Amino acid sequence: MLRKFIHILFLPCSKATMLMEKRNAQAISRKEDWQLSMHLKICKWCRSYEEKLRILDDILKRKLFQNGKTEINDVDIQSFKNKVLEKLDI
């Protein structure tokens, strides 16, 4: 009951993860930032997701600069997806 109230008052996990992704791509508003920080204080699952997102972002940035590129295009994204699927053996 309390958990449901807290998620209604602050944010549901689905909205929190969307804001984390949005924050990586662009700036989020102060209200969104406050809501996300409050959610992260109470939700261990979203904190874990945020940490994994940060690790993946760091890996991708290192890989990008290692190859001397300054931006990612659609071909790079599709190539990355194909490599992930290949490693997952799907």
C-alpha atoms as a PDB file:
ATOM      1  CA  MET A   1       0.000   0.000   0.000  1.00  0.00           C
ATOM      2  CA  LEU A   2       2.750   2.448   0.970  1.00  0.00           C
ATOM      3  CA  ARG A   3       4.815   1.524  -2.083  1.00  0.00           C
ATOM      4  CA  LYS A   4       1.841   2.208  -4.360  1.00  0.00           C
ATOM      5  CA  PHE A   5       1.250   5.593  -2.731  1.00  0.00           C
ATOM      6  CA  ILE A   6       4.914   6.539  -3.039  1.00  0.00           C
ATOM      7  CA  HIS A   7       4.989   5.656  -6.737  1.00  0.00           C
ATOM      8  CA  ILE A   8       1.854   7.700  -7.338  1.00  0.00           C
ATOM      9  CA  LEU A   9       3.254  10.634  -5.385  1.00  0.00           C
ATOM     10  CA  PHE A  10       6.646  10.554  -7.075  1.00  0.00           C
ATOM     11  CA  LEU A  11       7.014   8.440 -10.224  1.00  0.00           C
ATOM     12  CA  PRO A  12       6.329   4.916 -11.424  1.00  0.00           C
ATOM     13  CA  CYS A  13       9.423   2.914 -12.389  1.00  0.00           C
ATOM     14  CA  SER A  14       8.540   3.039 -16.084  1.00  0.00           C
ATOM     15  CA  LYS A  15       8.564   6.849 -16.043  1.00  0.00           C
ATOM     16  CA  ALA A  16      11.770   6.907 -13.977  1.00  0.00           C
ATOM     17  CA  THR A  17      13.648   4.719 -16.461  1.00  0.00           C
ATOM     18  CA  MET A  18      12.354   6.847 -19.333  1.00  0.00           C
ATOM     19  CA  LEU A  19      13.680   9.962 -17.576  1.00  0.00           C
ATOM     20  CA  MET A  20      17.067   8.305 -17.069  1.00  0.00           C
ATOM     21  CA  GLU A  21      17.257   7.585 -20.790  1.00  0.00           C
ATOM     22  CA  LYS A  22      16.063  11.094 -21.625  1.00  0.00           C
ATOM     23  CA  ARG A  23      18.673  12.581 -19.276  1.00  0.00           C
ATOM     24  CA  ASN A  24      21.404  10.747 -21.189  1.00  0.00           C
ATOM     25  CA  ALA A  25      20.206  12.207 -24.481  1.00  0.00           C
ATOM     26  CA  GLN A  26      19.277  15.739 -23.396  1.00  0.00           C
ATOM     27  CA  ALA A  27      18.640  17.955 -20.397  1.00  0.00           C
ATOM     28  CA  ILE A  28      15.576  17.261 -18.289  1.00  0.00           C
ATOM     29  CA  SER A  29      13.528  19.884 -16.454  1.00  0.00           C
ATOM     30  CA  ARG A  30      14.056  20.703 -12.790  1.00  0.00           C
ATOM     31  CA  LYS A  31      10.740  19.076 -11.942  1.00  0.00           C
ATOM     32  CA  GLU A  32      11.691  15.875 -13.772  1.00  0.00           C
ATOM     33  CA  ASP A  33      15.120  15.900 -12.125  1.00  0.00           C
ATOM     34  CA  TRP A  34      13.552  16.302  -8.670  1.00  0.00           C
ATOM     35  CA  GLN A  35      10.994  13.544  -9.318  1.00  0.00           C
ATOM     36  CA  LEU A  36      13.701  11.213 -10.589  1.00  0.00           C
ATOM     37  CA  SER A  37      16.005  11.884  -7.642  1.00  0.00           C
ATOM     38  CA  MET A  38      13.153  11.254  -5.175  1.00  0.00           C
ATOM     39  CA  HIS A  39      12.257   8.026  -6.967  1.00  0.00           C
ATOM     40  CA  LEU A  40      15.870   6.856  -6.941  1.00  0.00           C
ATOM     41  CA  LYS A  41      16.058   7.409  -3.189  1.00  0.00           C
ATOM     42  CA  ILE A  42      13.266   4.894  -2.603  1.00  0.00           C
ATOM     43  CA  CYS A  43      13.665   2.398  -5.463  1.00  0.00           C
ATOM     44  CA  LYS A  44      16.624   0.031  -5.378  1.00  0.00           C
ATOM     45  CA  TRP A  45      15.670  -1.475  -8.756  1.00  0.00           C
ATOM     46  CA  CYS A  46      15.866   1.847 -10.547  1.00  0.00           C
ATOM     47  CA  ARG A  47      19.140   2.699  -8.799  1.00  0.00           C
ATOM     48  CA  SER A  48      20.510  -0.567 -10.145  1.00  0.00           C
ATOM     49  CA  TYR A  49      19.189   0.247 -13.623  1.00  0.00           C
ATOM     50  CA  GLU A  50      20.789   3.694 -13.444  1.00  0.00           C
ATOM     51  CA  GLU A  51      24.161   2.158 -12.550  1.00  0.00           C
ATOM     52  CA  LYS A  52      23.957  -0.294 -15.456  1.00  0.00           C
ATOM     53  CA  LEU A  53      22.960   2.532 -17.776  1.00  0.00           C
ATOM     54  CA  ARG A  54      25.947   4.578 -16.614  1.00  0.00           C
ATOM     55  CA  ILE A  55      28.327   1.643 -17.176  1.00  0.00           C
ATOM     56  CA  LEU A  56      26.980   1.020 -20.683  1.00  0.00           C
ATOM     57  CA  ASP A  57      27.198   4.708 -21.524  1.00  0.00           C
ATOM     58  CA  ASP A  58      30.825   4.852 -20.361  1.00  0.00           C
ATOM     59  CA  ILE A  59      31.712   1.769 -22.417  1.00  0.00           C
ATOM     60  CA  LEU A  60      30.076   3.179 -25.531  1.00  0.00           C
ATOM     61  CA  LYS A  61      31.777   6.567 -25.102  1.00  0.00           C
ATOM     62  CA  ARG A  62      35.196   4.935 -24.671  1.00  0.00           C
ATOM     63  CA  LYS A  63      34.617   2.778 -27.737  1.00  0.00           C
ATOM     64  CA  LEU A  64      33.467   5.779 -29.743  1.00  0.00           C
ATOM     65  CA  PHE A  65      36.515   7.900 -28.879  1.00  0.00           C
ATOM     66  CA  GLN A  66      38.825   4.915 -29.296  1.00  0.00           C
ATOM     67  CA  ASN A  67      37.801   4.781 -32.953  1.00  0.00           C
ATOM     68  CA  GLY A  68      38.314   8.537 -33.349  1.00  0.00           C
ATOM     69  CA  LYS A  69      34.644   9.294 -33.972  1.00  0.00           C
ATOM     70  CA  THR A  70      32.748  12.162 -32.411  1.00  0.00           C
ATOM     71  CA  GLU A  71      29.192  10.987 -33.066  1.00  0.00           C
ATOM     72  CA  ILE A  72      27.199   7.824 -33.652  1.00  0.00           C
ATOM     73  CA  ASN A  73      25.198   7.298 -36.830  1.00  0.00           C
ATOM     74  CA  ASP A  74      22.473   4.777 -37.738  1.00  0.00           C
ATOM     75  CA  VAL A  75      24.993   2.313 -39.206  1.00  0.00           C
ATOM     76  CA  ASP A  76      26.945   2.287 -35.928  1.00  0.00           C
ATOM     77  CA  ILE A  77      23.754   1.692 -33.947  1.00  0.00           C
ATOM     78  CA  GLN A  78      22.661  -1.195 -36.163  1.00  0.00           C
ATOM     79  CA  SER A  79      26.139  -2.707 -36.043  1.00  0.00           C
ATOM     80  CA  PHE A  80      26.068  -2.540 -32.240  1.00  0.00           C
ATOM     81  CA  LYS A  81      22.624  -4.168 -32.146  1.00  0.00           C
ATOM     82  CA  ASN A  82      23.799  -6.967 -34.431  1.00  0.00           C
ATOM     83  CA  LYS A  83      26.850  -7.635 -32.260  1.00  0.00           C
ATOM     84  CA  VAL A  84      24.714  -7.777 -29.118  1.00  0.00           C
ATOM     85  CA  LEU A  85      22.253 -10.174 -30.749  1.00  0.00           C
ATOM     86  CA  GLU A  86      25.122 -12.313 -32.006  1.00  0.00           C
ATOM     87  CA  LYS A  87      26.633 -12.529 -28.521  1.00  0.00           C
ATOM     88  CA  LEU A  88      23.217 -13.350 -27.063  1.00  0.00           C
ATOM     89  CA  ASP A  89      22.873 -16.022 -29.741  1.00  0.00           C
ATOM     90  CA  ILE A  90      19.363 -14.934 -30.731  1.00  0.00           C
END
